[in-house]
N, C-alpha and C. Protein backbone atom coordinates (compact mmCIF):
# COMPACT_ATOMS: atom_id res chain seq x y z
N MET A 1 101.81 102.46 114.97
CA MET A 1 102.00 101.24 114.04
C MET A 1 102.41 99.90 114.41
N ALA A 2 101.74 98.86 113.98
CA ALA A 2 101.55 97.36 114.71
C ALA A 2 103.37 96.84 114.05
N SER A 3 102.99 97.27 112.74
CA SER A 3 104.87 96.50 112.50
C SER A 3 104.75 97.38 111.15
N VAL A 4 106.37 97.81 111.78
CA VAL A 4 107.06 98.11 110.10
C VAL A 4 107.07 97.59 109.34
N ASP A 5 108.19 96.27 109.44
CA ASP A 5 108.16 95.38 108.43
C ASP A 5 106.61 95.14 107.78
N ALA A 6 105.48 94.83 108.15
CA ALA A 6 104.71 94.58 107.71
C ALA A 6 104.22 95.35 106.91
N THR A 7 104.10 96.57 107.25
CA THR A 7 103.35 97.97 106.19
C THR A 7 104.20 98.35 105.24
N VAL A 8 105.76 98.10 105.03
CA VAL A 8 106.86 98.16 104.49
C VAL A 8 106.21 96.70 103.07
N GLU A 9 106.23 95.86 103.51
CA GLU A 9 105.74 95.23 102.65
C GLU A 9 104.45 95.23 101.66
N ASN A 10 103.75 95.92 102.32
CA ASN A 10 102.11 96.09 102.25
C ASN A 10 102.49 96.86 100.86
N LEU A 11 103.18 98.28 101.68
CA LEU A 11 103.64 99.40 100.46
C LEU A 11 103.90 99.28 99.10
N ARG A 12 105.18 98.22 99.26
CA ARG A 12 106.05 97.54 98.73
C ARG A 12 105.30 96.60 97.40
N ALA A 13 103.53 96.02 97.79
CA ALA A 13 102.74 95.72 97.01
C ALA A 13 102.19 96.56 96.28
N ARG A 14 102.38 97.81 96.71
CA ARG A 14 101.27 98.61 96.25
C ARG A 14 101.92 99.46 95.25
N GLY A 15 103.26 98.87 95.03
CA GLY A 15 104.05 99.85 94.04
C GLY A 15 105.13 101.34 94.68
N VAL A 16 105.09 101.80 96.12
CA VAL A 16 105.55 102.13 96.71
C VAL A 16 107.16 102.20 96.33
N THR A 17 107.58 103.11 96.10
CA THR A 17 109.70 103.26 96.46
C THR A 17 109.74 103.46 97.99
N ILE A 18 110.40 102.16 98.09
CA ILE A 18 111.01 101.95 99.64
C ILE A 18 112.22 102.83 99.46
N VAL A 19 112.67 103.84 100.60
CA VAL A 19 114.20 104.64 100.64
C VAL A 19 115.24 104.11 100.91
N THR A 20 114.48 103.68 101.99
CA THR A 20 115.58 102.83 103.20
C THR A 20 114.82 101.82 104.12
N GLU A 21 115.21 100.83 103.89
CA GLU A 21 114.67 99.10 104.23
C GLU A 21 114.53 99.28 105.55
N PRO A 22 113.48 98.43 106.65
CA PRO A 22 113.57 98.81 108.20
C PRO A 22 114.67 98.31 108.96
N PHE A 23 114.76 98.92 109.83
CA PHE A 23 116.35 98.81 110.27
C PHE A 23 115.94 99.35 112.16
N GLU A 24 116.66 99.20 112.93
CA GLU A 24 116.44 98.84 114.60
C GLU A 24 117.53 100.37 114.88
N LEU A 25 116.97 101.47 115.16
CA LEU A 25 117.67 102.70 115.83
C LEU A 25 118.09 102.84 117.12
N LEU A 26 118.96 101.96 118.15
CA LEU A 26 118.85 101.07 119.27
C LEU A 26 118.53 102.74 120.25
N ALA A 27 119.40 103.52 119.39
CA ALA A 27 119.38 104.76 120.79
C ALA A 27 117.78 105.47 120.89
N ILE A 28 116.88 105.30 120.19
CA ILE A 28 115.73 105.38 120.79
C ILE A 28 114.96 104.32 120.31
N SER A 29 115.03 102.97 120.74
CA SER A 29 114.58 102.02 120.82
C SER A 29 113.32 101.98 119.63
N ARG A 30 113.68 101.71 118.48
CA ARG A 30 112.53 102.12 116.98
C ARG A 30 113.02 101.19 115.85
N ARG A 31 112.21 101.13 115.42
CA ARG A 31 112.65 100.37 114.46
C ARG A 31 111.91 101.49 112.97
N LEU A 32 112.27 101.55 112.23
CA LEU A 32 112.05 102.67 111.39
C LEU A 32 112.49 102.57 109.65
N ALA A 33 111.68 103.15 108.85
CA ALA A 33 112.15 102.35 107.44
C ALA A 33 111.65 104.18 106.87
N PHE A 34 112.08 104.39 105.78
CA PHE A 34 111.47 105.27 104.72
C PHE A 34 111.18 104.78 103.25
N PHE A 35 109.86 105.96 103.03
CA PHE A 35 109.74 105.46 101.93
C PHE A 35 109.47 107.03 101.06
N SER A 36 109.16 107.77 99.53
CA SER A 36 108.62 108.25 99.24
C SER A 36 107.19 108.15 98.43
N ASP A 37 106.98 109.41 98.15
CA ASP A 37 105.45 109.72 97.85
C ASP A 37 106.12 110.30 95.99
N PRO A 38 104.48 110.15 95.43
CA PRO A 38 104.64 109.85 94.15
C PRO A 38 105.17 111.45 94.11
N PHE A 39 105.55 112.46 95.03
CA PHE A 39 105.71 113.72 94.28
C PHE A 39 107.44 113.87 94.91
N GLY A 40 108.22 113.17 95.44
CA GLY A 40 109.12 112.53 96.07
C GLY A 40 109.63 112.77 97.75
N ASN A 41 108.34 113.48 98.49
CA ASN A 41 108.57 113.81 99.64
C ASN A 41 108.84 112.41 100.40
N LEU A 42 109.62 112.36 101.24
CA LEU A 42 110.80 111.45 101.91
C LEU A 42 109.72 111.22 103.40
N ILE A 43 109.22 110.07 103.59
CA ILE A 43 107.98 109.65 104.79
C ILE A 43 108.65 108.29 105.65
N GLU A 44 108.48 108.94 106.87
CA GLU A 44 109.16 107.65 107.78
C GLU A 44 108.23 106.90 108.75
N LEU A 45 108.87 105.29 108.50
CA LEU A 45 107.45 104.88 109.63
C LEU A 45 108.68 104.49 110.48
N ALA A 46 107.69 104.26 112.29
CA ALA A 46 107.88 104.19 112.74
C ALA A 46 107.08 103.40 114.34
């Protein structure tokens, strides 16, 4: 995934519920975000 931030903005524009805004997890050197699907399942972007 090229950009977690850009993907989150694209999902938000489509009405997707963003559960956790993008953030840096330094322990694994990754940028993460979480959103939920229509059934309430949590999905991670990395």
